Amino acid sequence: MKTLHTAGIHHITAFVSDAQRNVDFYAGILGLRLVKRTINFDAPEVYHLYFGNESGAPGTVITFFPFKEGRKGRIGAGQVGITTYVIPPGSMDFWENRLEGYSIAAEHVERIGEKYLAFSDFDGLRIELVERAEGPSSGWSFGGVPPEHAVKGFGGAVLYSAAPAATAAALEHTLGLERIAEGDGYVRFRGSGDLGNVIDVKQAAPPLGHGGSGTVHHIAWRAKDDAEQLAWSDWVLERGFQPTPVQDRQYFNAIYFREDGGILFEIATDPPGFARDEEADRLGEKLMLPSWYEPHRAAIEAGLEPFVVREVEAGQR
């Protein structure tokens, strides 16, 4: 079988504690679009919320499971340590001022020749912003974020591995990313896409993390279609990993495997996308359920705490 190459990140999924605060941060402050409100198919009493650009294109979407009574997580080895978003060149001052207006502490950091603005969301999930010219501009504007400064999508991620050399090998030899740089205690890889394409692996293994609010559950990589995903399943198995059967996630199909550094990887298909069950201009407006849960809609809705997508006033948290 020929070597496969993922274009980069499809989506990232994390745990948070409260749906309204989650929506306030990612839609109200970061200005992302809530492109889908649905449920965790394995735990229908829990929302599954998706935020991205105007269409929820692969490489732009972060998703969340809000567990109101869930434990607090600890970021560490076996996880995505930092989620990186890309913004247009010349936008850093806007975002530094905006975060300051919401009393969100941010600091400037540098890694492998790039400058980042680093901060955390309301649950402690670590976020960075980086300026890059590549990648399409977002067509979504909300909450006082003008189009010329809007988040484009993912810049990439920083992986915290319990076995950094093994994780680096999986990125290069299983996912087909190109190793392009090393420095400041990180190894950098790049995919062929123009968003979600720069992945850094921390070379020193930090203490083990544990799941819970404020941590990433998994990172998903792109497959262009169902046929390629099946090829990925065979390829991942050939490389010594144990992929799951294909899972129907309504808006993409998914397989999962855990690499040797402890990080849960998913390979997700680009199609069919989020407009399969809602009009493109109405994405995220109502609770969408897969067909097998529709008979239980009333009970599911009664058990979910309502939230609204709203503009967040400066100083409001």
Protein backbone atom coordinates (compact mmCIF):
# COMPACT_ATOMS: atom_id res chain seq x y z
CA MET A 1 0.00 0.00 0.00
CA LYS A 2 1.28 3.44 -0.84
CA THR A 3 2.00 5.88 1.98
CA LEU A 4 -0.97 8.06 2.92
CA HIS A 5 -0.71 11.73 3.83
CA THR A 6 -3.29 13.66 5.84
CA ALA A 7 -3.76 17.33 4.94
CA GLY A 8 -3.83 18.20 8.64
CA ILE A 9 -6.33 18.62 11.46
CA HIS A 10 -9.99 17.90 10.79
CA HIS A 11 -11.26 18.88 14.26
CA ILE A 12 -10.31 18.89 17.93
CA THR A 13 -12.67 17.76 20.70
CA ALA A 14 -12.44 18.84 24.34
CA PHE A 15 -14.25 18.70 27.68
CA VAL A 16 -15.71 21.77 29.39
CA SER A 17 -17.93 22.30 32.41
CA ASP A 18 -20.73 24.63 31.31
CA ALA A 19 -22.45 25.03 27.95
CA GLN A 20 -23.33 28.73 28.29
CA ARG A 21 -19.82 29.75 29.33
CA ASN A 22 -18.43 27.62 26.53
CA VAL A 23 -20.64 29.37 23.97
CA ASP A 24 -19.84 32.76 25.45
CA PHE A 25 -16.10 32.14 25.03
CA TYR A 26 -15.90 30.57 21.60
CA ALA A 27 -18.75 32.44 19.91
CA GLY A 28 -19.04 35.59 22.01
CA ILE A 29 -15.34 36.33 22.52
CA LEU A 30 -13.42 34.42 19.83
CA GLY A 31 -16.16 35.15 17.31
CA LEU A 32 -16.47 31.60 15.96
CA ARG A 33 -19.75 30.32 14.57
CA LEU A 34 -21.73 27.68 16.44
CA VAL A 35 -22.25 25.42 13.42
CA LYS A 36 -23.95 22.51 15.17
CA ARG A 37 -25.69 21.82 18.44
CA THR A 38 -26.27 18.13 18.93
CA ILE A 39 -25.60 15.51 21.61
CA ASN A 40 -22.86 13.10 22.55
CA PHE A 41 -24.09 10.00 20.72
CA ASP A 42 -22.68 7.82 23.50
CA ALA A 43 -24.14 9.98 26.31
CA PRO A 44 -27.27 11.74 25.00
CA GLU A 45 -27.73 13.69 28.21
CA VAL A 46 -24.65 15.75 27.22
CA TYR A 47 -24.43 18.35 24.45
CA HIS A 48 -21.94 18.09 21.63
CA LEU A 49 -21.23 21.63 20.40
CA TYR A 50 -19.26 22.47 17.25
CA PHE A 51 -17.64 25.87 16.53
CA GLY A 52 -15.84 26.86 13.34
CA ASN A 53 -15.89 29.19 10.36
CA GLU A 54 -19.07 30.02 8.46
CA SER A 55 -19.49 26.49 7.12
CA GLY A 56 -17.62 24.48 9.72
CA ALA A 57 -14.99 23.52 7.16
CA PRO A 58 -12.44 20.84 8.10
CA GLY A 59 -9.49 22.51 9.78
CA THR A 60 -11.64 25.11 11.55
CA VAL A 61 -13.84 23.16 13.98
CA ILE A 62 -13.40 22.70 17.70
CA THR A 63 -16.04 20.60 19.46
CA PHE A 64 -17.01 20.29 23.11
CA PHE A 65 -18.71 18.00 25.56
CA PRO A 66 -19.98 20.20 28.44
CA PHE A 67 -20.21 18.05 31.61
CA LYS A 68 -21.73 20.20 34.35
CA GLU A 69 -20.79 17.74 37.09
CA GLY A 70 -17.61 16.46 35.46
CA ARG A 71 -14.23 16.47 37.15
CA LYS A 72 -11.57 19.07 36.46
CA GLY A 73 -8.94 17.78 34.05
CA ARG A 74 -5.19 18.17 34.14
CA ILE A 75 -3.26 18.98 30.96
CA GLY A 76 -0.29 16.70 30.48
CA ALA A 77 1.26 13.84 28.58
CA GLY A 78 -1.12 11.88 26.38
CA GLN A 79 -3.04 14.96 25.24
CA VAL A 80 -3.11 17.91 22.92
CA GLY A 81 -1.47 20.48 25.17
CA ILE A 82 -2.22 23.64 23.18
CA THR A 83 -4.74 24.38 20.43
CA THR A 84 -3.45 26.98 17.97
CA TYR A 85 -5.69 29.28 15.92
CA VAL A 86 -4.51 31.29 12.94
CA ILE A 87 -5.46 34.94 12.42
CA PRO A 88 -4.71 37.28 9.50
CA PRO A 89 -1.42 39.20 9.48
CA GLY A 90 -1.72 42.49 11.36
CA SER A 91 -4.41 41.18 13.73
CA MET A 92 -2.40 40.50 16.87
CA ASP A 93 -2.90 43.94 18.43
CA PHE A 94 -6.65 43.68 17.90
CA TRP A 95 -6.78 40.34 19.69
CA GLU A 96 -4.49 41.40 22.51
CA ASN A 97 -6.72 44.40 23.18
CA ARG A 98 -9.89 42.34 22.86
CA LEU A 99 -8.73 39.73 25.37
CA GLU A 100 -7.60 42.44 27.76
CA GLY A 101 -11.07 43.97 27.52
CA TYR A 102 -12.52 40.69 28.77
CA SER A 103 -9.91 40.44 31.55
CA ILE A 104 -8.38 37.37 29.93
CA ALA A 105 -4.69 37.16 30.77
CA ALA A 106 -2.50 36.61 27.71
CA GLU A 107 1.24 36.47 27.13
CA HIS A 108 3.52 36.59 24.12
CA VAL A 109 5.54 33.45 23.49
CA GLU A 110 7.86 32.39 20.68
CA ARG A 111 8.41 28.91 19.26
CA ILE A 112 10.45 27.85 16.24
CA GLY A 113 10.61 31.37 14.85
CA GLU A 114 6.93 32.25 15.25
CA LYS A 115 5.28 34.57 17.76
CA TYR A 116 2.10 33.51 19.55
CA LEU A 117 -0.43 35.10 21.89
CA ALA A 118 -1.13 32.48 24.57
CA PHE A 119 -4.12 32.37 26.93
CA SER A 120 -6.71 29.96 28.36
CA ASP A 121 -10.46 29.61 28.00
CA PHE A 122 -12.83 29.69 30.97
CA ASP A 123 -12.08 26.02 31.78
CA GLY A 124 -8.31 26.28 31.43
CA LEU A 125 -7.98 24.88 27.90
CA ARG A 126 -4.78 26.38 26.48
CA ILE A 127 -5.18 28.46 23.32
CA GLU A 128 -2.74 30.34 21.09
CA LEU A 129 -3.16 32.81 18.25
CA VAL A 130 -0.60 33.10 15.46
CA GLU A 131 -0.54 35.35 12.40
CA ARG A 132 -0.18 33.61 9.04
CA ALA A 133 -1.06 34.70 5.52
CA GLU A 134 -1.96 31.24 4.23
CA GLY A 135 -5.45 29.86 4.46
CA PRO A 136 -8.77 31.39 3.44
CA SER A 137 -10.26 34.21 5.48
CA SER A 138 -13.32 33.44 7.56
CA GLY A 139 -16.65 34.57 6.16
CA TRP A 140 -18.16 34.85 9.63
CA SER A 141 -18.30 38.00 11.75
CA PHE A 142 -19.86 38.11 15.21
CA GLY A 143 -19.64 39.91 18.52
CA GLY A 144 -17.54 42.83 17.37
CA VAL A 145 -14.86 40.80 15.57
CA PRO A 146 -14.48 42.41 12.11
CA PRO A 147 -13.88 40.12 9.11
CA GLU A 148 -10.34 41.43 8.60
CA HIS A 149 -9.33 40.16 12.07
CA ALA A 150 -11.56 37.06 12.33
CA VAL A 151 -10.06 33.70 13.27
CA LYS A 152 -9.49 31.72 10.07
CA GLY A 153 -9.38 28.29 11.69
CA PHE A 154 -6.71 26.13 13.24
CA GLY A 155 -3.07 27.00 12.89
CA GLY A 156 -2.28 23.61 14.38
CA ALA A 157 -1.62 22.10 17.79
CA VAL A 158 1.09 21.28 20.29
CA LEU A 159 1.15 17.63 21.34
CA TYR A 160 2.21 16.56 24.83
CA SER A 161 3.34 12.95 24.56
CA ALA A 162 4.37 10.34 27.10
CA ALA A 163 6.74 9.01 24.41
CA PRO A 164 7.68 12.00 22.23
CA ALA A 165 9.89 10.08 19.79
CA ALA A 166 7.12 7.54 19.18
CA THR A 167 4.54 10.26 18.63
CA ALA A 168 6.87 12.05 16.22
CA ALA A 169 7.34 8.80 14.33
CA ALA A 170 3.56 8.30 14.11
CA LEU A 171 3.08 11.79 12.71
CA GLU A 172 5.79 11.30 10.10
CA HIS A 173 5.48 7.65 9.13
CA THR A 174 1.80 6.90 9.78
CA LEU A 175 0.04 10.21 9.13
CA GLY A 176 2.53 11.27 6.47
CA LEU A 177 3.31 14.72 7.86
CA GLU A 178 6.62 16.29 6.88
CA ARG A 179 9.20 16.95 9.59
CA ILE A 180 10.31 20.53 8.86
CA ALA A 181 12.02 22.02 11.92
CA GLU A 182 13.35 21.49 15.41
CA GLY A 183 14.09 24.02 18.14
CA ASP A 184 13.10 25.49 21.50
CA GLY A 185 12.37 21.99 22.78
CA TYR A 186 9.91 21.07 20.02
CA VAL A 187 9.86 19.14 16.74
CA ARG A 188 7.65 20.63 14.02
CA PHE A 189 5.66 18.77 11.38
CA ARG A 190 3.58 20.09 8.51
CA GLY A 191 0.65 18.78 6.49
CA SER A 192 -0.32 19.69 2.95
CA GLY A 193 -3.43 21.70 3.88
CA ASP A 194 -3.51 25.45 4.41
CA LEU A 195 -5.25 25.31 7.81
CA GLY A 196 -4.56 23.06 10.79
CA ASN A 197 -1.32 22.01 9.18
CA VAL A 198 1.48 22.82 11.68
CA ILE A 199 1.97 20.32 14.50
CA ASP A 200 4.60 20.69 17.22
CA VAL A 201 5.62 17.86 19.53
CA LYS A 202 7.12 18.79 22.88
CA GLN A 203 10.38 16.84 23.11
CA ALA A 204 10.34 16.46 26.90
CA ALA A 205 7.47 14.35 28.22
CA PRO A 206 5.49 16.29 30.86
CA PRO A 207 3.71 14.57 33.76
CA LEU A 208 0.72 12.51 32.67
CA GLY A 209 -2.53 14.39 32.21
CA HIS A 210 -6.00 13.17 33.02
CA GLY A 211 -9.25 13.88 31.26
CA GLY A 212 -11.85 16.35 32.47
CA SER A 213 -12.93 19.91 31.90
CA GLY A 214 -10.23 22.05 30.33
CA THR A 215 -8.54 19.19 28.46
CA VAL A 216 -8.64 17.84 24.92
CA HIS A 217 -10.23 14.42 24.44
CA HIS A 218 -8.88 13.73 20.94
CA ILE A 219 -7.46 15.26 17.78
CA ALA A 220 -8.90 14.28 14.40
CA TRP A 221 -7.00 14.18 11.12
CA ARG A 222 -8.44 14.64 7.65
CA ALA A 223 -9.40 11.93 5.16
CA LYS A 224 -10.77 13.25 1.88
CA ASP A 225 -13.63 10.73 1.61
CA ASP A 226 -14.96 7.35 2.76
CA ALA A 227 -12.77 5.37 0.37
CA GLU A 228 -9.62 7.05 1.61
CA GLN A 229 -10.72 6.50 5.20
CA LEU A 230 -10.95 2.75 4.60
CA ALA A 231 -7.45 2.91 3.15
CA TRP A 232 -6.37 4.76 6.29
CA SER A 233 -7.84 1.99 8.45
CA ASP A 234 -5.76 -0.62 6.65
CA TRP A 235 -2.67 1.60 6.71
CA VAL A 236 -2.96 2.35 10.45
CA LEU A 237 -3.35 -1.38 11.17
CA GLU A 238 -0.33 -2.15 9.00
CA ARG A 239 1.69 0.39 11.01
CA GLY A 240 0.96 -1.53 14.23
CA PHE A 241 -2.00 0.43 15.66
CA GLN A 242 -5.50 -0.82 16.39
CA PRO A 243 -8.14 1.31 14.61
CA THR A 244 -11.79 1.07 15.58
CA PRO A 245 -14.49 0.19 13.08
CA VAL A 246 -15.93 3.18 11.20
CA GLN A 247 -18.26 5.25 13.38
CA ASP A 248 -21.08 7.30 11.84
CA ARG A 249 -20.87 10.80 13.35
CA GLN A 250 -23.55 12.22 11.00
CA TYR A 251 -21.36 15.07 9.72
CA PHE A 252 -18.32 12.88 9.06
CA ASN A 253 -17.33 9.25 9.51
CA ALA A 254 -14.61 8.43 12.01
CA ILE A 255 -12.10 5.81 13.05
CA TYR A 256 -10.01 6.08 16.24
CA PHE A 257 -6.71 4.74 17.49
CA ARG A 258 -4.33 5.61 20.32
CA GLU A 259 -0.73 6.28 19.34
CA ASP A 260 2.15 5.12 21.51
CA GLY A 261 2.53 8.45 23.31
CA GLY A 262 -0.99 8.07 24.70
CA ILE A 263 -2.81 10.60 22.49
CA LEU A 264 -6.16 9.54 21.02
CA PHE A 265 -6.13 10.08 17.26
CA GLU A 266 -9.17 10.09 14.99
CA ILE A 267 -9.28 10.05 11.21
CA ALA A 268 -12.43 11.82 9.98
CA THR A 269 -13.85 12.29 6.51
CA ASP A 270 -14.22 15.77 5.05
CA PRO A 271 -17.77 15.07 3.78
CA PRO A 272 -20.69 15.22 4.25
CA GLY A 273 -20.37 18.36 6.40
CA PHE A 274 -22.73 20.32 8.63
CA ALA A 275 -25.28 21.45 6.06
CA ARG A 276 -26.59 17.92 5.54
CA ASP A 277 -29.47 18.48 8.00
CA GLU A 278 -29.74 22.30 8.22
CA GLU A 279 -29.68 25.14 5.75
CA ALA A 280 -26.26 26.75 5.50
CA ASP A 281 -27.59 30.08 6.80
CA ARG A 282 -29.30 28.41 9.79
CA LEU A 283 -26.48 26.24 11.10
CA GLY A 284 -26.42 25.70 14.84
CA GLU A 285 -29.80 27.25 15.54
CA LYS A 286 -31.64 24.17 16.82
CA LEU A 287 -30.82 20.87 18.48
CA MET A 288 -30.14 18.28 15.79
CA LEU A 289 -30.51 14.60 16.62
CA PRO A 290 -29.63 11.50 14.63
CA SER A 291 -32.64 9.47 13.52
CA TRP A 292 -32.23 6.85 16.24
CA TYR A 293 -32.63 9.49 18.96
CA GLU A 294 -35.57 11.40 17.42
CA PRO A 295 -38.20 9.30 19.25
CA HIS A 296 -36.61 10.49 22.51
CA ARG A 297 -36.33 14.18 21.58
CA ALA A 298 -38.69 15.48 24.28
CA ALA A 299 -36.86 13.67 27.08
CA ILE A 300 -33.44 14.65 25.72
CA GLU A 301 -34.35 18.33 25.39
CA ALA A 302 -35.85 18.34 28.89
CA GLY A 303 -32.56 17.09 30.32
CA LEU A 304 -30.32 19.65 28.57
CA GLU A 305 -29.68 23.05 30.11
CA PRO A 306 -30.68 25.82 27.66
CA PHE A 307 -28.12 28.32 26.37
CA VAL A 308 -28.08 31.21 23.91
CA VAL A 309 -25.52 32.47 21.43
CA ARG A 310 -25.02 36.08 22.48
CA GLU A 311 -22.65 38.97 22.28
CA VAL A 312 -20.55 39.23 25.41
CA GLU A 313 -19.96 42.67 26.84
CA ALA A 314 -16.39 43.68 27.65
CA GLY A 315 -15.69 42.81 31.26
CA GLN A 316 -18.49 40.21 31.26
CA ARG A 317 -17.32 36.63 32.01
